[in-house]
Amino acid sequence: MSEDDPNTEEYPTEIHDYLAAFEKSLASVDEMLKIMMSVSRSELLQKLDPLEQAKLDLVSVYTLNSMFWVYLATQGINPKEHPVKQELERIRTYMNKVKEIADKKKASKLNKGAASRFVRNALWEPNAENEHTSKTPAKGKKRK
């Protein structure tokens, strides 16, 4: 965006940084799309486990709907009043469900046997038999 370019439109200088960041973001999205499109979908899905496949599908559909949201905004249509808003919310719900599943997989498993032994030993109390035999003399031997 040089000032000498006759094709550039005049715009307020306050938004120059925003436009530069937007242009950089678009270049980043374009680069990611080129990477994703360079590998066939079936080839990509074969390399992923089902949970990762679900994440990929959700991110793809969320990105597509987000881009449509931006398109609507550039056309002067309020995307908050468009069905795309409900679609994005639905996708977010599924993303949260997938995140919960992933978190459950990462959570440590409880070994109930080990936990009960740990608690039993940590809360050790002498049982009544041991206490009784230590205070009284052994059976069969009488003191005189």
N, C-alpha and C. Protein backbone atom coordinates (compact mmCIF):
# COMPACT_ATOMS: atom_id res chain seq x y z
N MET A 1 0.83 -1.18 0.00
CA MET A 1 0.00 0.00 0.00
C MET A 1 0.87 1.24 0.00
N SER A 2 1.35 1.57 -1.14
CA SER A 2 2.19 2.76 -1.21
C SER A 2 1.34 3.95 -1.59
N GLU A 3 1.83 5.11 -1.26
CA GLU A 3 1.09 6.33 -1.52
C GLU A 3 1.12 6.70 -3.00
N ASP A 4 2.11 6.19 -3.74
CA ASP A 4 2.25 6.53 -5.14
C ASP A 4 1.33 5.70 -6.03
N ASP A 5 0.75 4.65 -5.52
CA ASP A 5 -0.10 3.78 -6.30
C ASP A 5 -1.41 4.49 -6.60
N PRO A 6 -1.75 4.71 -7.88
CA PRO A 6 -2.97 5.44 -8.21
C PRO A 6 -4.24 4.63 -7.93
N ASN A 7 -4.13 3.31 -7.76
CA ASN A 7 -5.31 2.49 -7.54
C ASN A 7 -5.78 2.48 -6.09
N THR A 8 -4.96 2.97 -5.18
CA THR A 8 -5.36 2.96 -3.78
C THR A 8 -6.36 4.07 -3.52
N GLU A 9 -7.32 3.75 -2.67
CA GLU A 9 -8.31 4.74 -2.29
C GLU A 9 -7.82 5.47 -1.06
N GLU A 10 -8.31 6.66 -0.90
CA GLU A 10 -7.98 7.42 0.30
C GLU A 10 -8.78 6.87 1.47
N TYR A 11 -8.12 6.67 2.57
CA TYR A 11 -8.78 6.20 3.79
C TYR A 11 -8.12 6.91 4.96
N PRO A 12 -8.82 6.97 6.08
CA PRO A 12 -8.27 7.66 7.25
C PRO A 12 -6.99 6.96 7.72
N THR A 13 -6.02 7.74 8.11
CA THR A 13 -4.74 7.19 8.55
C THR A 13 -4.87 6.41 9.86
N GLU A 14 -5.92 6.67 10.63
CA GLU A 14 -6.11 5.97 11.90
C GLU A 14 -6.31 4.47 11.70
N ILE A 15 -6.83 4.09 10.55
CA ILE A 15 -7.12 2.67 10.35
C ILE A 15 -6.01 1.94 9.58
N HIS A 16 -4.94 2.63 9.28
CA HIS A 16 -3.85 2.01 8.52
C HIS A 16 -3.29 0.77 9.23
N ASP A 17 -3.06 0.87 10.54
CA ASP A 17 -2.54 -0.29 11.28
C ASP A 17 -3.52 -1.46 11.27
N TYR A 18 -4.81 -1.14 11.38
CA TYR A 18 -5.82 -2.20 11.34
C TYR A 18 -5.84 -2.88 9.97
N LEU A 19 -5.74 -2.07 8.92
CA LEU A 19 -5.73 -2.64 7.57
C LEU A 19 -4.48 -3.48 7.33
N ALA A 20 -3.35 -3.05 7.84
CA ALA A 20 -2.12 -3.81 7.69
C ALA A 20 -2.23 -5.15 8.43
N ALA A 21 -2.79 -5.13 9.62
CA ALA A 21 -2.98 -6.37 10.39
C ALA A 21 -3.97 -7.29 9.68
N PHE A 22 -5.01 -6.70 9.11
CA PHE A 22 -6.00 -7.49 8.37
C PHE A 22 -5.37 -8.14 7.14
N GLU A 23 -4.55 -7.39 6.45
CA GLU A 23 -3.88 -7.92 5.27
C GLU A 23 -2.93 -9.07 5.66
N LYS A 24 -2.24 -8.90 6.77
CA LYS A 24 -1.35 -9.95 7.26
C LYS A 24 -2.14 -11.20 7.65
N SER A 25 -3.28 -11.00 8.29
CA SER A 25 -4.13 -12.13 8.67
C SER A 25 -4.66 -12.86 7.44
N LEU A 26 -5.06 -12.11 6.43
CA LEU A 26 -5.53 -12.73 5.19
C LEU A 26 -4.43 -13.57 4.55
N ALA A 27 -3.21 -13.06 4.56
CA ALA A 27 -2.08 -13.81 3.99
C ALA A 27 -1.85 -15.09 4.77
N SER A 28 -2.00 -15.02 6.09
CA SER A 28 -1.84 -16.20 6.93
C SER A 28 -2.91 -17.24 6.64
N VAL A 29 -4.16 -16.79 6.51
CA VAL A 29 -5.26 -17.70 6.18
C VAL A 29 -5.03 -18.33 4.82
N ASP A 30 -4.61 -17.53 3.87
CA ASP A 30 -4.33 -18.03 2.52
C ASP A 30 -3.25 -19.10 2.56
N GLU A 31 -2.21 -18.87 3.33
CA GLU A 31 -1.12 -19.85 3.46
C GLU A 31 -1.62 -21.16 4.06
N MET A 32 -2.42 -21.05 5.12
CA MET A 32 -2.98 -22.25 5.75
C MET A 32 -3.88 -23.01 4.80
N LEU A 33 -4.70 -22.29 4.05
CA LEU A 33 -5.59 -22.95 3.09
C LEU A 33 -4.78 -23.67 2.01
N LYS A 34 -3.69 -23.08 1.56
CA LYS A 34 -2.84 -23.74 0.56
C LYS A 34 -2.26 -25.04 1.12
N ILE A 35 -1.84 -25.01 2.39
CA ILE A 35 -1.30 -26.22 3.03
C ILE A 35 -2.38 -27.28 3.14
N MET A 36 -3.57 -26.89 3.59
CA MET A 36 -4.65 -27.86 3.74
C MET A 36 -5.09 -28.43 2.41
N MET A 37 -5.10 -27.61 1.38
CA MET A 37 -5.55 -28.07 0.07
C MET A 37 -4.49 -28.91 -0.65
N SER A 38 -3.24 -28.84 -0.20
CA SER A 38 -2.18 -29.59 -0.87
C SER A 38 -2.25 -31.08 -0.55
N VAL A 39 -2.92 -31.45 0.54
CA VAL A 39 -3.06 -32.85 0.93
C VAL A 39 -4.52 -33.24 0.75
N SER A 40 -4.75 -34.42 0.14
CA SER A 40 -6.14 -34.85 -0.04
C SER A 40 -6.77 -35.13 1.31
N ARG A 41 -8.05 -34.90 1.39
CA ARG A 41 -8.78 -35.05 2.65
C ARG A 41 -8.71 -36.49 3.16
N SER A 42 -8.90 -37.45 2.28
CA SER A 42 -8.87 -38.86 2.71
C SER A 42 -7.49 -39.24 3.23
N GLU A 43 -6.44 -38.71 2.58
CA GLU A 43 -5.07 -38.99 3.04
C GLU A 43 -4.83 -38.38 4.41
N LEU A 44 -5.34 -37.19 4.62
CA LEU A 44 -5.18 -36.51 5.90
C LEU A 44 -5.95 -37.25 7.00
N LEU A 45 -7.18 -37.66 6.71
CA LEU A 45 -8.00 -38.34 7.71
C LEU A 45 -7.44 -39.70 8.11
N GLN A 46 -6.73 -40.36 7.20
CA GLN A 46 -6.14 -41.65 7.52
C GLN A 46 -5.05 -41.52 8.58
N LYS A 47 -4.41 -40.38 8.62
CA LYS A 47 -3.31 -40.16 9.57
C LYS A 47 -3.80 -39.77 10.96
N LEU A 48 -5.09 -39.45 11.08
CA LEU A 48 -5.61 -38.93 12.34
C LEU A 48 -6.51 -39.96 13.03
N ASP A 49 -6.52 -39.91 14.37
CA ASP A 49 -7.46 -40.76 15.12
C ASP A 49 -8.84 -40.09 15.07
N PRO A 50 -9.89 -40.80 15.44
CA PRO A 50 -11.25 -40.24 15.33
C PRO A 50 -11.45 -38.90 16.05
N LEU A 51 -10.84 -38.74 17.21
CA LEU A 51 -10.99 -37.49 17.94
C LEU A 51 -10.34 -36.34 17.17
N GLU A 52 -9.17 -36.59 16.61
CA GLU A 52 -8.48 -35.56 15.82
C GLU A 52 -9.27 -35.27 14.54
N GLN A 53 -9.89 -36.29 13.95
CA GLN A 53 -10.73 -36.08 12.77
C GLN A 53 -11.90 -35.15 13.09
N ALA A 54 -12.52 -35.40 14.24
CA ALA A 54 -13.63 -34.54 14.66
C ALA A 54 -13.17 -33.11 14.87
N LYS A 55 -12.00 -32.95 15.48
CA LYS A 55 -11.46 -31.59 15.69
C LYS A 55 -11.22 -30.90 14.36
N LEU A 56 -10.63 -31.63 13.40
CA LEU A 56 -10.36 -31.06 12.08
C LEU A 56 -11.65 -30.63 11.39
N ASP A 57 -12.66 -31.50 11.43
CA ASP A 57 -13.93 -31.18 10.81
C ASP A 57 -14.57 -29.95 11.45
N LEU A 58 -14.54 -29.90 12.77
CA LEU A 58 -15.15 -28.76 13.46
C LEU A 58 -14.42 -27.46 13.18
N VAL A 59 -13.09 -27.51 13.19
CA VAL A 59 -12.33 -26.30 12.90
C VAL A 59 -12.58 -25.84 11.46
N SER A 60 -12.67 -26.79 10.54
CA SER A 60 -12.92 -26.44 9.14
C SER A 60 -14.27 -25.77 8.96
N VAL A 61 -15.32 -26.37 9.53
CA VAL A 61 -16.65 -25.80 9.37
C VAL A 61 -16.78 -24.47 10.12
N TYR A 62 -16.12 -24.36 11.27
CA TYR A 62 -16.16 -23.11 12.02
C TYR A 62 -15.46 -22.00 11.23
N THR A 63 -14.34 -22.33 10.64
CA THR A 63 -13.61 -21.34 9.84
C THR A 63 -14.44 -20.88 8.65
N LEU A 64 -15.06 -21.83 7.96
CA LEU A 64 -15.89 -21.49 6.80
C LEU A 64 -17.04 -20.58 7.20
N ASN A 65 -17.71 -20.91 8.29
CA ASN A 65 -18.82 -20.07 8.74
C ASN A 65 -18.34 -18.72 9.24
N SER A 66 -17.17 -18.67 9.85
CA SER A 66 -16.61 -17.38 10.29
C SER A 66 -16.28 -16.50 9.10
N MET A 67 -15.77 -17.11 8.06
CA MET A 67 -15.46 -16.34 6.85
C MET A 67 -16.75 -15.81 6.21
N PHE A 68 -17.82 -16.62 6.25
CA PHE A 68 -19.10 -16.15 5.74
C PHE A 68 -19.63 -15.00 6.59
N TRP A 69 -19.41 -15.08 7.91
CA TRP A 69 -19.78 -13.99 8.83
C TRP A 69 -19.11 -12.69 8.38
N VAL A 70 -17.81 -12.77 8.11
CA VAL A 70 -17.06 -11.59 7.67
C VAL A 70 -17.59 -11.10 6.32
N TYR A 71 -17.89 -12.02 5.43
CA TYR A 71 -18.44 -11.64 4.12
C TYR A 71 -19.74 -10.87 4.30
N LEU A 72 -20.63 -11.39 5.16
CA LEU A 72 -21.90 -10.69 5.40
C LEU A 72 -21.66 -9.28 5.93
N ALA A 73 -20.70 -9.17 6.84
CA ALA A 73 -20.40 -7.85 7.42
C ALA A 73 -19.89 -6.90 6.34
N THR A 74 -19.08 -7.42 5.40
CA THR A 74 -18.56 -6.55 4.34
C THR A 74 -19.65 -6.15 3.35
N GLN A 75 -20.73 -6.91 3.30
CA GLN A 75 -21.84 -6.59 2.41
C GLN A 75 -22.90 -5.71 3.07
N GLY A 76 -22.64 -5.33 4.31
CA GLY A 76 -23.57 -4.46 5.02
C GLY A 76 -24.72 -5.21 5.67
N ILE A 77 -24.63 -6.52 5.75
CA ILE A 77 -25.66 -7.33 6.39
C ILE A 77 -25.21 -7.62 7.82
N ASN A 78 -26.13 -7.44 8.76
CA ASN A 78 -25.79 -7.70 10.16
C ASN A 78 -25.77 -9.21 10.39
N PRO A 79 -24.59 -9.81 10.58
CA PRO A 79 -24.51 -11.25 10.75
C PRO A 79 -25.14 -11.75 12.05
N LYS A 80 -25.33 -10.85 13.01
CA LYS A 80 -25.96 -11.25 14.27
C LYS A 80 -27.44 -11.59 14.07
N GLU A 81 -28.03 -11.09 12.99
CA GLU A 81 -29.44 -11.36 12.70
C GLU A 81 -29.58 -12.41 11.60
N HIS A 82 -28.50 -13.06 11.24
CA HIS A 82 -28.49 -14.06 10.17
C HIS A 82 -28.39 -15.45 10.79
N PRO A 83 -28.92 -16.47 10.12
CA PRO A 83 -28.81 -17.85 10.65
C PRO A 83 -27.38 -18.34 10.88
N VAL A 84 -26.40 -17.67 10.29
CA VAL A 84 -25.02 -18.10 10.50
C VAL A 84 -24.62 -17.99 11.96
N LYS A 85 -25.25 -17.09 12.69
CA LYS A 85 -24.95 -16.95 14.12
C LYS A 85 -25.33 -18.22 14.87
N GLN A 86 -26.53 -18.75 14.60
CA GLN A 86 -26.96 -19.99 15.26
C GLN A 86 -26.05 -21.15 14.86
N GLU A 87 -25.61 -21.17 13.61
CA GLU A 87 -24.73 -22.24 13.15
C GLU A 87 -23.39 -22.18 13.88
N LEU A 88 -22.85 -20.99 14.06
CA LEU A 88 -21.59 -20.86 14.79
C LEU A 88 -21.76 -21.29 16.25
N GLU A 89 -22.88 -20.98 16.86
CA GLU A 89 -23.14 -21.39 18.23
C GLU A 89 -23.26 -22.91 18.32
N ARG A 90 -23.91 -23.53 17.35
CA ARG A 90 -24.05 -24.99 17.32
C ARG A 90 -22.68 -25.66 17.20
N ILE A 91 -21.85 -25.11 16.33
CA ILE A 91 -20.50 -25.66 16.14
C ILE A 91 -19.69 -25.50 17.42
N ARG A 92 -19.81 -24.34 18.07
CA ARG A 92 -19.09 -24.12 19.33
C ARG A 92 -19.51 -25.14 20.40
N THR A 93 -20.79 -25.49 20.41
CA THR A 93 -21.28 -26.49 21.36
C THR A 93 -20.58 -27.82 21.12
N TYR A 94 -20.48 -28.22 19.86
CA TYR A 94 -19.80 -29.47 19.54
C TYR A 94 -18.30 -29.39 19.84
N MET A 95 -17.71 -28.23 19.63
CA MET A 95 -16.30 -28.07 19.96
C MET A 95 -16.07 -28.25 21.46
N ASN A 96 -16.98 -27.74 22.26
CA ASN A 96 -16.88 -27.90 23.71
C ASN A 96 -17.02 -29.37 24.11
N LYS A 97 -17.93 -30.10 23.43
CA LYS A 97 -18.09 -31.52 23.72
C LYS A 97 -16.82 -32.29 23.38
N VAL A 98 -16.21 -31.98 22.25
CA VAL A 98 -14.97 -32.65 21.86
C VAL A 98 -13.86 -32.31 22.85
N LYS A 99 -13.83 -31.07 23.31
CA LYS A 99 -12.82 -30.67 24.29
C LYS A 99 -13.00 -31.44 25.60
N GLU A 100 -14.25 -31.62 26.03
CA GLU A 100 -14.52 -32.40 27.24
C GLU A 100 -14.02 -33.83 27.09
N ILE A 101 -14.26 -34.42 25.93
CA ILE A 101 -13.80 -35.79 25.68
C ILE A 101 -12.29 -35.86 25.72
N ALA A 102 -11.64 -34.89 25.10
CA ALA A 102 -10.17 -34.86 25.09
C ALA A 102 -9.63 -34.68 26.50
N ASP A 103 -10.28 -33.83 27.30
CA ASP A 103 -9.85 -33.62 28.67
C ASP A 103 -10.01 -34.87 29.51
N LYS A 104 -11.09 -35.62 29.27
CA LYS A 104 -11.30 -36.86 30.00
C LYS A 104 -10.22 -37.88 29.67
N LYS A 105 -9.78 -37.88 28.41
CA LYS A 105 -8.71 -38.80 28.02
C LYS A 105 -7.40 -38.45 28.72
N LYS A 106 -7.16 -37.16 28.89
CA LYS A 106 -5.91 -36.70 29.51
C LYS A 106 -5.93 -36.88 31.03
N ALA A 107 -7.12 -36.91 31.60
CA ALA A 107 -7.24 -37.00 33.06
C ALA A 107 -6.64 -38.31 33.54
N SER A 108 -6.02 -38.24 34.71
CA SER A 108 -5.40 -39.45 35.25
C SER A 108 -6.48 -40.41 35.71
N LYS A 109 -6.17 -41.67 35.57
CA LYS A 109 -7.10 -42.73 35.97
C LYS A 109 -6.87 -43.05 37.45
N LEU A 110 -7.92 -43.40 38.14
CA LEU A 110 -7.83 -43.73 39.56
C LEU A 110 -7.74 -45.23 39.71
N ASN A 111 -6.69 -45.69 40.35
CA ASN A 111 -6.54 -47.09 40.69
C ASN A 111 -7.20 -47.28 42.04
N LYS A 112 -8.42 -47.83 42.03
CA LYS A 112 -9.21 -47.91 43.26
C LYS A 112 -8.53 -48.76 44.32
N GLY A 113 -7.92 -49.85 43.91
CA GLY A 113 -7.25 -50.71 44.88
C GLY A 113 -6.11 -50.00 45.58
N ALA A 114 -5.29 -49.33 44.79
CA ALA A 114 -4.15 -48.60 45.38
C ALA A 114 -4.64 -47.47 46.27
N ALA A 115 -5.69 -46.79 45.84
CA ALA A 115 -6.22 -45.67 46.63
C ALA A 115 -6.77 -46.18 47.97
N SER A 116 -7.49 -47.29 47.94
CA SER A 116 -8.05 -47.79 49.20
C SER A 116 -6.93 -48.28 50.13
N ARG A 117 -5.89 -48.89 49.58
CA ARG A 117 -4.76 -49.31 50.43
C ARG A 117 -4.06 -48.09 51.02
N PHE A 118 -3.90 -47.07 50.23
CA PHE A 118 -3.26 -45.84 50.70
C PHE A 118 -4.05 -45.23 51.84
N VAL A 119 -5.35 -45.11 51.65
CA VAL A 119 -6.19 -44.51 52.70
C VAL A 119 -6.20 -45.40 53.93
N ARG A 120 -6.32 -46.71 53.74
CA ARG A 120 -6.35 -47.63 54.89
C ARG A 120 -5.06 -47.52 55.70
N ASN A 121 -3.92 -47.46 55.03
CA ASN A 121 -2.64 -47.38 55.73
C ASN A 121 -2.41 -46.00 56.34
N ALA A 122 -2.92 -44.97 55.70
CA ALA A 122 -2.74 -43.62 56.24
C ALA A 122 -3.59 -43.42 57.48
N LEU A 123 -4.70 -44.13 57.55
CA LEU A 123 -5.60 -43.99 58.69
C LEU A 123 -5.50 -45.20 59.61
N TRP A 124 -4.34 -45.76 59.74
CA TRP A 124 -4.15 -46.98 60.52
C TRP A 124 -4.51 -46.77 61.97
N GLU A 125 -5.27 -47.69 62.46
CA GLU A 125 -5.62 -47.71 63.87
C GLU A 125 -5.35 -49.12 64.36
N PRO A 126 -4.82 -49.25 65.56
CA PRO A 126 -4.61 -50.62 66.06
C PRO A 126 -5.95 -51.29 66.24
N ASN A 127 -6.04 -52.53 65.79
CA ASN A 127 -7.33 -53.20 65.94
C ASN A 127 -7.49 -53.69 67.38
N ALA A 128 -8.67 -54.06 67.73
CA ALA A 128 -8.99 -54.40 69.12
C ALA A 128 -8.21 -55.61 69.60
N GLU A 129 -7.94 -56.58 68.74
CA GLU A 129 -7.20 -57.78 69.16
C GLU A 129 -5.79 -57.41 69.58
N ASN A 130 -5.09 -56.61 68.81
CA ASN A 130 -3.72 -56.23 69.14
C ASN A 130 -3.67 -55.44 70.44
N GLU A 131 -4.63 -54.57 70.61
CA GLU A 131 -4.66 -53.74 71.80
C GLU A 131 -4.93 -54.60 73.03
N HIS A 132 -5.84 -55.54 72.92
CA HIS A 132 -6.22 -56.41 74.04
C HIS A 132 -5.08 -57.33 74.46
N THR A 133 -4.39 -57.92 73.49
CA THR A 133 -3.32 -58.86 73.81
C THR A 133 -2.10 -58.16 74.37
N SER A 134 -1.87 -56.92 74.02
CA SER A 134 -0.69 -56.25 74.53
C SER A 134 -0.85 -55.84 75.99
N LYS A 135 -2.09 -55.64 76.46
CA LYS A 135 -2.32 -55.20 77.82
C LYS A 135 -2.47 -56.38 78.79
N THR A 136 -2.90 -57.50 78.32
CA THR A 136 -3.11 -58.65 79.19
C THR A 136 -2.06 -59.70 78.92
N PRO A 137 -1.74 -60.47 79.94
CA PRO A 137 -0.76 -61.52 79.71
C PRO A 137 -1.30 -62.60 78.79
N ALA A 138 -0.40 -63.29 78.16
CA ALA A 138 -0.79 -64.33 77.23
C ALA A 138 -1.56 -65.41 77.92
N LYS A 139 -2.50 -66.02 77.22
CA LYS A 139 -3.31 -67.10 77.77
C LYS A 139 -2.44 -68.32 78.03
N GLY A 140 -2.77 -69.05 79.03
CA GLY A 140 -2.02 -70.26 79.35
C GLY A 140 -0.92 -69.99 80.37
N LYS A 141 -0.45 -68.80 80.46
CA LYS A 141 0.60 -68.47 81.44
C LYS A 141 -0.05 -67.62 82.51
N LYS A 142 -0.02 -68.11 83.70
CA LYS A 142 -0.59 -67.35 84.81
C LYS A 142 0.53 -66.87 85.69
N ARG A 143 0.44 -65.68 86.11
CA ARG A 143 1.45 -65.11 87.03
C ARG A 143 1.06 -65.41 88.44
N LYS A 144 2.00 -65.65 89.21
CA LYS A 144 1.77 -65.90 90.62
C LYS A 144 2.13 -64.75 91.46
